[in-house]
Protein backbone atom coordinates (compact mmCIF):
# COMPACT_ATOMS: atom_id res chain seq x y z
CA GLN A 1 88.58 -39.79 -24.75
CA VAL A 2 86.59 -37.58 -27.06
CA GLN A 3 84.27 -38.64 -29.85
CA VAL A 4 83.79 -36.44 -32.89
CA VAL A 5 81.05 -36.81 -35.47
CA GLU A 6 80.57 -34.49 -38.43
CA SER A 7 77.36 -34.15 -40.39
CA GLY A 8 75.56 -31.85 -42.77
CA GLY A 9 77.44 -32.43 -45.98
CA GLY A 10 75.74 -32.74 -49.32
CA LEU A 11 75.32 -31.33 -52.80
CA VAL A 12 74.91 -27.59 -53.18
CA GLN A 13 74.88 -25.30 -56.17
CA PRO A 14 77.58 -22.68 -56.71
CA GLY A 15 76.78 -19.58 -54.72
CA GLY A 16 74.75 -21.56 -52.24
CA SER A 17 75.13 -22.10 -48.52
CA LEU A 18 75.58 -25.08 -46.30
CA SER A 19 76.17 -25.60 -42.60
CA LEU A 20 78.18 -28.47 -41.19
CA SER A 21 77.98 -29.77 -37.65
CA CYS A 22 80.59 -31.32 -35.41
CA ALA A 23 79.11 -33.09 -32.40
CA VAL A 24 81.55 -33.70 -29.58
CA SER A 25 81.14 -36.07 -26.67
CA GLY A 26 83.31 -37.57 -23.98
CA ASN A 27 85.86 -35.67 -21.92
CA ILE A 28 84.78 -32.25 -23.12
CA ALA A 29 86.45 -30.45 -20.24
CA SER A 30 89.85 -31.40 -21.67
CA ILE A 31 89.26 -29.69 -25.02
CA TYR A 32 91.94 -27.15 -25.89
CA HIS A 33 91.43 -26.49 -29.59
CA MET A 34 88.70 -27.07 -32.13
CA ASP A 35 89.40 -26.94 -35.85
CA TRP A 36 87.77 -27.42 -39.21
CA TYR A 37 89.88 -28.89 -41.99
CA ARG A 38 89.08 -30.02 -45.49
CA GLN A 39 90.65 -32.27 -48.05
CA ALA A 40 89.79 -32.38 -51.72
CA PRO A 41 90.51 -35.50 -53.78
CA GLY A 42 94.18 -35.67 -54.67
CA LYS A 43 95.05 -32.67 -52.54
CA GLU A 44 96.55 -32.15 -49.13
CA ARG A 45 94.41 -31.46 -46.11
CA GLU A 46 94.06 -27.76 -45.38
CA LEU A 47 92.95 -25.77 -42.38
CA VAL A 48 89.70 -23.87 -42.81
CA ALA A 49 88.94 -22.21 -39.48
CA TYR A 50 89.35 -22.83 -35.78
CA PHE A 51 88.65 -21.80 -32.23
CA THR A 52 91.64 -20.98 -30.07
CA HIS A 53 91.82 -22.24 -26.51
CA SER A 54 90.53 -18.86 -25.36
CA GLY A 55 87.49 -19.16 -27.60
CA SER A 56 88.55 -16.73 -30.31
CA ARG A 57 87.63 -17.48 -33.90
CA ARG A 58 90.29 -17.65 -36.56
CA TYR A 59 89.82 -18.02 -40.30
CA THR A 60 92.25 -18.90 -43.02
CA ASP A 61 92.22 -17.00 -46.28
CA LEU A 62 90.02 -19.56 -47.99
CA ALA A 63 87.32 -18.98 -45.40
CA LYS A 64 87.47 -15.25 -44.74
CA GLY A 65 84.34 -13.44 -45.77
CA ARG A 66 82.48 -16.60 -46.73
CA PHE A 67 82.59 -19.01 -43.81
CA THR A 68 81.89 -18.58 -40.12
CA ILE A 69 82.24 -20.92 -37.17
CA SER A 70 80.15 -21.09 -34.06
CA ILE A 71 79.59 -23.27 -31.02
CA ASP A 72 76.45 -24.36 -29.24
CA ASP A 73 77.73 -25.13 -25.75
CA LEU A 74 74.53 -26.82 -24.66
CA LYS A 75 74.62 -29.22 -27.58
CA HIS A 76 78.42 -29.61 -27.47
CA THR A 77 78.42 -28.94 -31.16
CA MET A 78 80.62 -26.80 -33.37
CA TYR A 79 79.36 -25.50 -36.68
CA LEU A 80 80.88 -24.40 -39.96
CA HIS A 81 78.53 -22.09 -41.83
CA MET A 82 79.58 -21.82 -45.45
CA GLY A 83 78.29 -19.30 -47.94
CA SER A 84 79.05 -18.18 -51.49
CA LEU A 85 80.23 -21.69 -52.18
CA LYS A 86 82.42 -22.38 -55.17
CA PRO A 87 83.15 -25.63 -57.00
CA GLU A 88 86.66 -25.51 -55.53
CA ASP A 89 85.11 -25.82 -52.07
CA THR A 90 84.23 -29.40 -52.95
CA SER A 91 85.99 -31.45 -50.30
CA THR A 92 85.61 -33.75 -47.37
CA TYR A 93 85.33 -31.54 -44.31
CA PHE A 94 86.76 -32.72 -41.02
CA CYS A 95 86.39 -31.57 -37.49
CA THR A 96 89.32 -32.08 -35.17
CA ILE A 97 89.48 -31.66 -31.45
CA GLN A 98 92.69 -31.27 -29.51
CA THR A 99 92.68 -32.17 -25.84
CA ILE A 100 95.26 -31.67 -23.12
CA VAL A 101 95.23 -33.95 -20.11
CA GLY A 102 98.25 -33.46 -17.90
CA ASP A 103 101.25 -33.51 -20.22
CA ALA A 104 99.44 -35.42 -22.94
CA THR A 105 98.10 -33.69 -26.05
CA THR A 106 95.76 -35.74 -28.23
CA ASN A 107 94.07 -34.93 -31.53
CA TYR A 108 90.74 -36.54 -32.33
CA TRP A 109 89.35 -36.56 -35.86
CA GLY A 110 85.90 -37.25 -37.11
CA GLN A 111 85.16 -39.37 -40.15
CA GLY A 112 84.48 -36.33 -42.29
CA THR A 113 81.45 -35.16 -44.22
CA ASN A 114 81.45 -34.66 -47.98
CA VAL A 115 80.54 -31.38 -49.60
CA THR A 116 80.04 -31.16 -53.35
CA VAL A 117 79.53 -27.80 -54.99
CA SER A 118 78.18 -28.30 -58.46
CA SER A 119 75.42 -27.19 -60.77
């Protein structure tokens, strides 16, 4: 079992920056993949950025050049650092952790944290 808790959301002005946190606890050794997603009201959930199982960072087009992801291994926390924010970045941001234990693959989702970009 893995527990995932996001935090750090809030209201930010266009052009501003915000960092989100994803605290992970439980069977951390089984983690295979760590992703950030977002979902705006009335829209489908979309992938933002992720760590591969080898630890490489990958960014989707919406994140390239503006967002970065990082991990603090000691705190078991993943971060999404967002800059040059736009109103269209307004969404609920989710962290998801994929674990592999034997033949079983499980995805764990946090409750999400809301980001509003508005003046």
